C-alpha atoms as a PDB file:
ATOM      1  CA  GLN A   1      -0.013  -0.027   0.024  1.00  0.00           C
ATOM      2  CA  PRO A   2       2.960   2.527   0.811  1.00  0.00           C
ATOM      3  CA  CYS A   3       4.209   1.897  -2.704  1.00  0.00           C
ATOM      4  CA  TRP A   4       0.930   2.346  -4.266  1.00  0.00           C
ATOM      5  CA  ARG A   5       0.337   5.518  -2.489  1.00  0.00           C
ATOM      6  CA  GLU A   6       3.743   7.199  -3.491  1.00  0.00           C
ATOM      7  CA  TYR A   7       3.003   5.929  -7.208  1.00  0.00           C
ATOM      8  CA  LEU A   8      -0.399   7.437  -7.291  1.00  0.00           C
ATOM      9  CA  THR A   9       0.692  10.807  -5.624  1.00  0.00           C
ATOM     10  CA  THR A  10       3.651  11.302  -7.947  1.00  0.00           C
ATOM     11  CA  ARG A  11       1.253  10.575 -10.928  1.00  0.00           C
ATOM     12  CA  ILE A  12      -1.426  12.799  -9.645  1.00  0.00           C
ATOM     13  CA  GLU A  13       1.265  15.711  -8.785  1.00  0.00           C
ATOM     14  CA  GLN A  14       2.593  15.374 -12.562  1.00  0.00           C
ATOM     15  CA  ASN A  15      -0.871  15.601 -13.914  1.00  0.00           C
ATOM     16  CA  MET A  16      -0.688  12.022 -15.558  1.00  0.00           C
ATOM     17  CA  VAL A  17      -3.093  10.219 -13.183  1.00  0.00           C
ATOM     18  CA  VAL A  18      -5.975   9.889 -15.739  1.00  0.00           C
ATOM     19  CA  ASN A  19      -4.080   7.508 -18.082  1.00  0.00           C
ATOM     20  CA  CYS A  20      -1.834   5.811 -15.587  1.00  0.00           C
ATOM     21  CA  THR A  21      -1.862   2.173 -15.520  1.00  0.00           C
ATOM     22  CA  CYS A  22      -0.297  -0.536 -13.087  1.00  0.00           C
ATOM     23  CA  PRO A  23       3.572  -0.091 -12.596  1.00  0.00           C
ATOM     24  CA  ILE A  24       4.062  -3.758 -13.791  1.00  0.00           C
ATOM     25  CA  SER A  25       4.923  -3.378 -17.336  1.00  0.00           C
ATOM     26  CA  GLU A  26       2.953  -6.159 -18.710  1.00  0.00           C
ATOM     27  CA  CYS A  27      -0.167  -5.253 -16.649  1.00  0.00           C
ATOM     28  CA  ARG A  28      -2.398  -2.564 -18.478  1.00  0.00           C
ATOM     29  CA  ALA A  29      -5.162  -2.284 -15.594  1.00  0.00           C
ATOM     30  CA  GLN A  30      -5.848   1.209 -14.571  1.00  0.00           C
ATOM     31  CA  PRO A  31      -6.545   1.938 -10.914  1.00  0.00           C
ATOM     32  CA  THR A  32     -10.287   3.029 -10.367  1.00  0.00           C
ATOM     33  CA  THR A  33     -11.445   6.190  -8.570  1.00  0.00           C
ATOM     34  CA  ALA A  34     -12.516   4.346  -5.545  1.00  0.00           C
ATOM     35  CA  PHE A  35      -9.177   2.484  -5.599  1.00  0.00           C
ATOM     36  CA  ILE A  36      -7.284   5.845  -5.346  1.00  0.00           C
ATOM     37  CA  TYR A  37      -9.367   7.269  -2.540  1.00  0.00           C
ATOM     38  CA  SER A  38      -8.784   4.287  -0.655  1.00  0.00           C
ATOM     39  CA  ILE A  39      -5.073   4.505  -0.989  1.00  0.00           C
ATOM     40  CA  VAL A  40      -4.348   8.434  -1.100  1.00  0.00           C
ATOM     41  CA  SER A  41      -5.310  10.079   2.137  1.00  0.00           C
ATOM     42  CA  SER A  42      -3.963  13.510   1.531  1.00  0.00           C
ATOM     43  CA  GLU A  43      -6.770  15.897   0.826  1.00  0.00           C
ATOM     44  CA  GLU A  44      -4.447  18.271  -1.384  1.00  0.00           C
ATOM     45  CA  ILE A  45      -3.520  15.283  -3.463  1.00  0.00           C
ATOM     46  CA  ILE A  46      -7.211  14.137  -3.720  1.00  0.00           C
ATOM     47  CA  ALA A  47      -8.268  17.667  -4.772  1.00  0.00           C
ATOM     48  CA  LYS A  48      -5.562  17.676  -7.504  1.00  0.00           C
ATOM     49  CA  TYR A  49      -6.966  14.406  -8.594  1.00  0.00           C
ATOM     50  CA  GLU A  50     -10.343  15.547  -8.953  1.00  0.00           C
ATOM     51  CA  LYS A  51      -9.298  18.691 -10.973  1.00  0.00           C
ATOM     52  CA  ALA A  52      -7.672  16.286 -13.431  1.00  0.00           C
ATOM     53  CA  LEU A  53     -10.810  14.154 -13.735  1.00  0.00           C
ATOM     54  CA  LEU A  54     -12.958  17.580 -14.367  1.00  0.00           C
ATOM     55  CA  ARG A  55     -10.251  18.851 -17.061  1.00  0.00           C
ATOM     56  CA  ARG A  56     -10.672  15.270 -18.745  1.00  0.00           C
ATOM     57  CA  TYR A  57     -14.363  15.518 -18.644  1.00  0.00           C
ATOM     58  CA  VAL A  58     -14.499  18.971 -20.188  1.00  0.00           C
ATOM     59  CA  GLU A  59     -11.973  18.050 -22.910  1.00  0.00           C
ATOM     60  CA  CYS A  60     -14.183  15.018 -23.835  1.00  0.00           C
ATOM     61  CA  CYS A  61     -17.320  16.796 -24.169  1.00  0.00           C
ATOM     62  CA  SER A  62     -17.676  18.725 -27.341  1.00  0.00           C
ATOM     63  CA  ASN A  63     -20.258  21.124 -25.989  1.00  0.00           C
ATOM     64  CA  LEU A  64     -18.182  22.193 -23.097  1.00  0.00           C
ATOM     65  CA  THR A  65     -15.318  24.446 -22.870  1.00  0.00           C
ATOM     66  CA  TRP A  66     -13.406  26.602 -20.099  1.00  0.00           C
ATOM     67  CA  CYS A  67     -13.801  30.377 -19.978  1.00  0.00           C
ATOM     68  CA  THR A  68     -11.073  31.963 -21.825  1.00  0.00           C
ATOM     69  CA  ASN A  69     -10.693  35.090 -19.616  1.00  0.00           C
ATOM     70  CA  PRO A  70      -6.788  35.819 -19.878  1.00  0.00           C
ATOM     71  CA  GLN A  71      -6.898  37.002 -16.316  1.00  0.00           C
ATOM     72  CA  GLY A  72      -7.746  33.448 -14.995  1.00  0.00           C
ATOM     73  CA  CYS A  73     -11.450  31.796 -14.637  1.00  0.00           C
ATOM     74  CA  ASP A  74     -12.159  28.415 -13.615  1.00  0.00           C
ATOM     75  CA  GLN A  75     -15.872  28.540 -14.862  1.00  0.00           C
ATOM     76  CA  ILE A  76     -17.270  25.859 -17.484  1.00  0.00           C
ATOM     77  CA  LEU A  77     -19.213  26.894 -20.350  1.00  0.00           C
ATOM     78  CA  LEU A  78     -21.815  25.364 -22.376  1.00  0.00           C
ATOM     79  CA  LYS A  79     -21.257  26.110 -26.113  1.00  0.00           C
ATOM     80  CA  ASP A  80     -24.320  27.442 -27.960  1.00  0.00           C
ATOM     81  CA  GLY A  81     -23.002  26.705 -31.390  1.00  0.00           C
ATOM     82  CA  LEU A  82     -22.464  30.306 -32.238  1.00  0.00           C
ATOM     83  CA  GLY A  83     -19.424  32.481 -32.827  1.00  0.00           C
ATOM     84  CA  TYR A  84     -19.750  34.048 -29.614  1.00  0.00           C
ATOM     85  CA  GLY A  85     -21.748  32.886 -26.232  1.00  0.00           C
ATOM     86  CA  ALA A  86     -23.165  34.298 -23.249  1.00  0.00           C
ATOM     87  CA  ALA A  87     -21.055  36.211 -20.717  1.00  0.00           C
ATOM     88  CA  CYS A  88     -19.432  33.747 -18.128  1.00  0.00           C
ATOM     89  CA  SER A  89     -21.502  33.813 -14.955  1.00  0.00           C
ATOM     90  CA  LYS A  90     -18.597  34.340 -12.995  1.00  0.00           C
ATOM     91  CA  CYS A  91     -16.291  36.903 -14.597  1.00  0.00           C
ATOM     92  CA  SER A  92     -18.818  38.055 -17.333  1.00  0.00           C
ATOM     93  CA  TRP A  93     -15.829  37.527 -19.731  1.00  0.00           C
ATOM     94  CA  ILE A  94     -17.456  36.544 -23.501  1.00  0.00           C
ATOM     95  CA  SER A  95     -15.733  33.878 -25.122  1.00  0.00           C
ATOM     96  CA  CYS A  96     -15.456  32.600 -28.719  1.00  0.00           C
ATOM     97  CA  PHE A  97     -16.464  28.873 -29.076  1.00  0.00           C
ATOM     98  CA  ASN A  98     -15.270  28.648 -32.844  1.00  0.00           C
ATOM     99  CA  CYS A  99     -11.755  29.567 -32.522  1.00  0.00           C
ATOM    100  CA  ASN A 100      -8.771  29.777 -30.276  1.00  0.00           C
ATOM    101  CA  PHE A 101      -8.909  33.773 -29.984  1.00  0.00           C
ATOM    102  CA  PRO A 102      -9.581  34.316 -26.281  1.00  0.00           C
ATOM    103  CA  GLU A 103     -12.641  36.492 -26.504  1.00  0.00           C
ATOM    104  CA  ALA A 104     -15.848  37.065 -28.686  1.00  0.00           C
ATOM    105  CA  HIS A 105     -14.546  39.267 -31.503  1.00  0.00           C
ATOM    106  CA  TYR A 106     -17.860  40.362 -33.359  1.00  0.00           C
ATOM    107  CA  PRO A 107     -18.066  41.883 -35.912  1.00  0.00           C
ATOM    108  CA  ALA A 108     -14.819  40.483 -36.927  1.00  0.00           C
ATOM    109  CA  SER A 109     -14.984  36.704 -38.135  1.00  0.00           C
ATOM    110  CA  CYS A 110     -12.879  33.821 -36.678  1.00  0.00           C
ATOM    111  CA  SER A 111     -11.040  33.656 -39.990  1.00  0.00           C
ATOM    112  CA  HIS A 112     -10.190  37.466 -39.671  1.00  0.00           C
ATOM    113  CA  MET A 113      -8.519  36.658 -36.191  1.00  0.00           C
ATOM    114  CA  SER A 114      -6.579  33.672 -37.535  1.00  0.00           C
ATOM    115  CA  ARG A 115      -5.292  35.439 -40.705  1.00  0.00           C
ATOM    116  CA  MET A 116      -2.066  37.701 -40.790  1.00  0.00           C
ATOM    117  CA  THR A 117      -0.867  39.878 -43.577  1.00  0.00           C
ATOM    118  CA  CYS A 118       2.640  40.806 -44.194  1.00  0.00           C
ATOM    119  CA  ALA A 119       2.473  44.797 -44.540  1.00  0.00           C
ATOM    120  CA  LYS A 120       5.415  44.734 -46.979  1.00  0.00           C
ATOM    121  CA  CYS A 121       4.035  42.102 -49.633  1.00  0.00           C
ATOM    122  CA  ASN A 122       0.440  41.603 -48.632  1.00  0.00           C
ATOM    123  CA  HIS A 123       1.179  37.826 -48.108  1.00  0.00           C
ATOM    124  CA  GLY A 124      -1.551  36.498 -45.904  1.00  0.00           C
ATOM    125  CA  PHE A 125      -0.690  33.360 -43.741  1.00  0.00           C
ATOM    126  CA  CYS A 126      -2.476  31.816 -40.873  1.00  0.00           C
ATOM    127  CA  TRP A 127      -0.792  32.664 -37.518  1.00  0.00           C
ATOM    128  CA  ARG A 128      -1.401  29.193 -36.132  1.00  0.00           C
ATOM    129  CA  CYS A 129       0.282  27.121 -38.714  1.00  0.00           C
ATOM    130  CA  LEU A 130       1.887  29.778 -40.561  1.00  0.00           C
ATOM    131  CA  LYS A 131       0.860  28.454 -44.011  1.00  0.00           C
ATOM    132  CA  PRO A 132      -0.080  30.666 -46.925  1.00  0.00           C
ATOM    133  CA  TRP A 133      -3.527  32.053 -46.613  1.00  0.00           C
ATOM    134  CA  ARG A 134      -4.105  31.888 -50.379  1.00  0.00           C
ATOM    135  CA  PRO A 135      -2.559  29.080 -52.668  1.00  0.00           C
ATOM    136  CA  ASN A 136       0.317  29.694 -54.946  1.00  0.00           C
ATOM    137  CA  HIS A 137       1.289  32.843 -53.296  1.00  0.00           C
ATOM    138  CA  LYS A 138       4.271  33.692 -55.282  1.00  0.00           C
ATOM    139  CA  ASP A 139       2.122  33.824 -58.570  1.00  0.00           C
ATOM    140  CA  TYR A 140      -0.539  35.744 -57.008  1.00  0.00           C
ATOM    141  CA  TYR A 141       1.416  38.664 -55.799  1.00  0.00           C
ATOM    142  CA  ASN A 142       4.797  39.801 -56.877  1.00  0.00           C
ATOM    143  CA  CYS A 143       6.566  41.726 -53.988  1.00  0.00           C
ATOM    144  CA  SER A 144       9.241  43.599 -56.075  1.00  0.00           C
ATOM    145  CA  ALA A 145       6.469  44.640 -58.904  1.00  0.00           C
ATOM    146  CA  MET A 146       4.121  46.278 -56.355  1.00  0.00           C
ATOM    147  CA  VAL A 147       6.410  48.430 -54.020  1.00  0.00           C
ATOM    148  CA  SER A 148       3.765  51.183 -54.186  1.00  0.00           C
ATOM    149  CA  LYS A 149       0.850  49.099 -53.498  1.00  0.00           C
ATOM    150  CA  ALA A 150       3.050  47.423 -50.534  1.00  0.00           C
ATOM    151  CA  ALA A 151       3.639  50.894 -49.232  1.00  0.00           C
ATOM    152  CA  TRP A 152       0.165  51.698 -49.341  1.00  0.00           C
ATOM    153  CA  GLN A 153      -0.920  48.658 -47.559  1.00  0.00           C
ATOM    154  CA  GLU A 154       1.600  49.041 -44.848  1.00  0.00           C
ATOM    155  CA  LYS A 155       0.334  52.546 -44.164  1.00  0.00           C
ATOM    156  CA  ARG A 156      -3.437  51.269 -44.351  1.00  0.00           C
ATOM    157  CA  PHE A 157      -2.382  48.458 -41.756  1.00  0.00           C
ATOM    158  CA  GLN A 158      -0.909  50.822 -39.468  1.00  0.00           C
ATOM    159  CA  ASP A 159      -3.940  53.027 -39.563  1.00  0.00           C
ATOM    160  CA  TYR A 160      -6.446  50.328 -38.555  1.00  0.00           C
ATOM    161  CA  ASN A 161      -3.850  48.799 -36.049  1.00  0.00           C
ATOM    162  CA  GLU A 162      -3.712  52.084 -34.332  1.00  0.00           C
ATOM    163  CA  ARG A 163      -7.455  52.717 -34.018  1.00  0.00           C
ATOM    164  CA  CYS A 164      -7.849  48.902 -32.853  1.00  0.00           C
ATOM    165  CA  THR A 165      -5.109  49.580 -30.090  1.00  0.00           C
ATOM    166  CA  PHE A 166      -6.815  52.916 -29.050  1.00  0.00           C
ATOM    167  CA  HIS A 167     -10.152  51.210 -28.613  1.00  0.00           C
ATOM    168  CA  HIS A 168      -8.713  48.463 -26.704  1.00  0.00           C
ATOM    169  CA  HIS A 169      -6.865  50.886 -24.258  1.00  0.00           C
ATOM    170  CA  ALA A 170     -10.086  52.917 -23.987  1.00  0.00           C
ATOM    171  CA  ARG A 171     -11.918  49.812 -23.211  1.00  0.00           C
ATOM    172  CA  GLU A 172      -9.192  49.045 -20.336  1.00  0.00           C
ATOM    173  CA  PHE A 173     -10.106  52.541 -19.257  1.00  0.00           C
ATOM    174  CA  ALA A 174     -13.667  51.904 -19.045  1.00  0.00           C
ATOM    175  CA  VAL A 175     -13.151  48.828 -17.040  1.00  0.00           C
ATOM    176  CA  SER A 176     -10.857  50.616 -14.592  1.00  0.00           C
ATOM    177  CA  LEU A 177     -13.788  53.350 -14.368  1.00  0.00           C
ATOM    178  CA  ARG A 178     -16.458  50.750 -13.557  1.00  0.00           C
ATOM    179  CA  ASN A 179     -14.134  49.307 -10.963  1.00  0.00           C
ATOM    180  CA  SER A 180     -13.391  52.647  -9.256  1.00  0.00           C
ATOM    181  CA  ILE A 181     -17.196  53.512  -9.307  1.00  0.00           C
ATOM    182  CA  SER A 182     -17.860  50.022  -7.583  1.00  0.00           C
ATOM    183  CA  SER A 183     -15.608  50.622  -4.862  1.00  0.00           C
ATOM    184  CA  ILE A 184     -17.109  54.476  -4.316  1.00  0.00           C
ATOM    185  CA  ARG A 185     -20.783  52.934  -4.181  1.00  0.00           C
ATOM    186  CA  GLU A 186     -19.799  50.874  -1.182  1.00  0.00           C
ATOM    187  CA  MET A 187     -19.021  53.947   0.870  1.00  0.00           C
ATOM    188  CA  PRO A 188     -21.849  55.070   3.175  1.00  0.00           C
ATOM    189  CA  LYS A 189     -24.091  58.249   2.249  1.00  0.00           C
ATOM    190  CA  ILE A 190     -23.208  57.821  -1.483  1.00  0.00           C
ATOM    191  CA  ARG A 191     -26.260  57.813  -3.724  1.00  0.00           C
ATOM    192  CA  ASN A 192     -27.177  54.880  -6.214  1.00  0.00           C
ATOM    193  CA  LEU A 193     -24.802  54.895  -8.848  1.00  0.00           C
ATOM    194  CA  THR A 194     -26.294  51.924 -10.804  1.00  0.00           C
ATOM    195  CA  PHE A 195     -26.768  53.907 -13.730  1.00  0.00           C
ATOM    196  CA  VAL A 196     -23.259  54.814 -13.935  1.00  0.00           C
ATOM    197  CA  LEU A 197     -22.286  51.555 -13.831  1.00  0.00           C
ATOM    198  CA  ASP A 198     -24.495  50.382 -16.535  1.00  0.00           C
ATOM    199  CA  ALA A 199     -22.996  53.114 -18.619  1.00  0.00           C
ATOM    200  CA  CYS A 200     -19.618  51.843 -17.990  1.00  0.00           C
ATOM    201  CA  LYS A 201     -20.509  48.564 -19.296  1.00  0.00           C
ATOM    202  CA  VAL A 202     -22.067  49.727 -22.192  1.00  0.00           C
ATOM    203  CA  LEU A 203     -18.991  51.676 -22.874  1.00  0.00           C
ATOM    204  CA  GLU A 204     -16.794  48.519 -22.581  1.00  0.00           C
ATOM    205  CA  GLN A 205     -18.929  46.732 -25.126  1.00  0.00           C
ATOM    206  CA  ALA A 206     -18.922  49.679 -27.523  1.00  0.00           C
ATOM    207  CA  ARG A 207     -14.981  49.727 -27.372  1.00  0.00           C
ATOM    208  CA  LYS A 208     -14.886  45.973 -27.967  1.00  0.00           C
ATOM    209  CA  VAL A 209     -17.093  46.259 -30.994  1.00  0.00           C
ATOM    210  CA  LEU A 210     -15.406  49.323 -32.436  1.00  0.00           C
ATOM    211  CA  ALA A 211     -11.851  47.453 -31.924  1.00  0.00           C
ATOM    212  CA  TYR A 212     -12.905  44.402 -33.790  1.00  0.00           C
ATOM    213  CA  SER A 213     -14.713  46.653 -36.509  1.00  0.00           C
ATOM    214  CA  CYS A 214     -11.113  47.693 -37.467  1.00  0.00           C
ATOM    215  CA  VAL A 215     -10.192  44.068 -38.078  1.00  0.00           C
ATOM    216  CA  TYR A 216     -13.271  43.576 -40.108  1.00  0.00           C
ATOM    217  CA  SER A 217     -12.994  46.602 -42.237  1.00  0.00           C
ATOM    218  CA  TYR A 218      -9.109  45.946 -42.915  1.00  0.00           C
ATOM    219  CA  TYR A 219     -10.205  42.585 -44.370  1.00  0.00           C
ATOM    220  CA  ASN A 220     -13.256  43.542 -46.329  1.00  0.00           C
ATOM    221  CA  GLN A 221     -11.874  46.595 -48.082  1.00  0.00           C
ATOM    222  CA  ASP A 222     -13.424  45.274 -51.359  1.00  0.00           C
ATOM    223  CA  ASN A 223     -16.950  44.685 -50.117  1.00  0.00           C
ATOM    224  CA  GLU A 224     -19.421  46.686 -51.491  1.00  0.00           C
ATOM    225  CA  SER A 225     -21.284  47.294 -48.253  1.00  0.00           C
ATOM    226  CA  MET A 226     -18.008  48.846 -46.592  1.00  0.00           C
ATOM    227  CA  ASP A 227     -19.252  52.369 -47.094  1.00  0.00           C
ATOM    228  CA  ILE A 228     -22.153  51.711 -44.845  1.00  0.00           C
ATOM    229  CA  VAL A 229     -20.249  49.502 -42.387  1.00  0.00           C
ATOM    230  CA  GLU A 230     -17.641  52.501 -42.218  1.00  0.00           C
ATOM    231  CA  GLN A 231     -20.546  54.984 -41.869  1.00  0.00           C
ATOM    232  CA  GLN A 232     -22.115  53.002 -38.990  1.00  0.00           C
ATOM    233  CA  THR A 233     -18.677  52.576 -37.219  1.00  0.00           C
ATOM    234  CA  GLU A 234     -18.010  56.301 -37.401  1.00  0.00           C
ATOM    235  CA  THR A 235     -21.328  57.049 -35.945  1.00  0.00           C
ATOM    236  CA  LEU A 236     -20.783  54.387 -33.013  1.00  0.00           C
ATOM    237  CA  GLU A 237     -17.228  56.044 -32.362  1.00  0.00           C
ATOM    238  CA  LEU A 238     -18.753  59.392 -31.956  1.00  0.00           C
ATOM    239  CA  LEU A 239     -21.452  58.442 -29.783  1.00  0.00           C
ATOM    240  CA  THR A 240     -19.217  56.342 -27.626  1.00  0.00           C
ATOM    241  CA  ASN A 241     -16.519  58.895 -27.404  1.00  0.00           C
ATOM    242  CA  ALA A 242     -19.490  61.316 -26.230  1.00  0.00           C
ATOM    243  CA  LEU A 243     -20.375  58.537 -23.571  1.00  0.00           C
END
């Protein structure tokens, strides 16, 4: 029993307990949960084991995923089949269920968030696998023959990137403002500030949409409806700045 306890404890601490088998090489039997509970007495080790089981369960369920909040959140979310889901009930973060980008990015599509474009030669590639986004790239675009267009593309990328970065920073300011107001509201003799907190939440969402609208606009320059999109974006930006 002491040998089993040391073996299982080591496997749990190394996050290798889910698929562990009997230490005898020719034996493929796996210890059951009941057996592990009967051998391991440490509450800390058992807690790690249960977390490992939970992680494995979520990974095996196609309709479940972890909250992707980069600040850290252990909430499990139920996928709804859309590109974005409901806000996490624990931290209010909105995750994208269709790609590995850490948050919902409407109106930009998942492909927009996966695609990168060289500002010098306009070569499109996937940032995950680094393979060309378009087939036969060398035939499709000639860098040396299109210097002026490359310069224009680089300036255009910089403009959209600066706008996108600005809205992300402004969104962080809205979050900081909401946190400050939340702390003030806890003070005695302060009138209800719920409407201000609601305004901050709207501000956060608007800045988020504006940031990803820059991504959407950058990759849809030839779309016939872009004039309307740009007008709507400009209106939203003016109203957001006023708020």
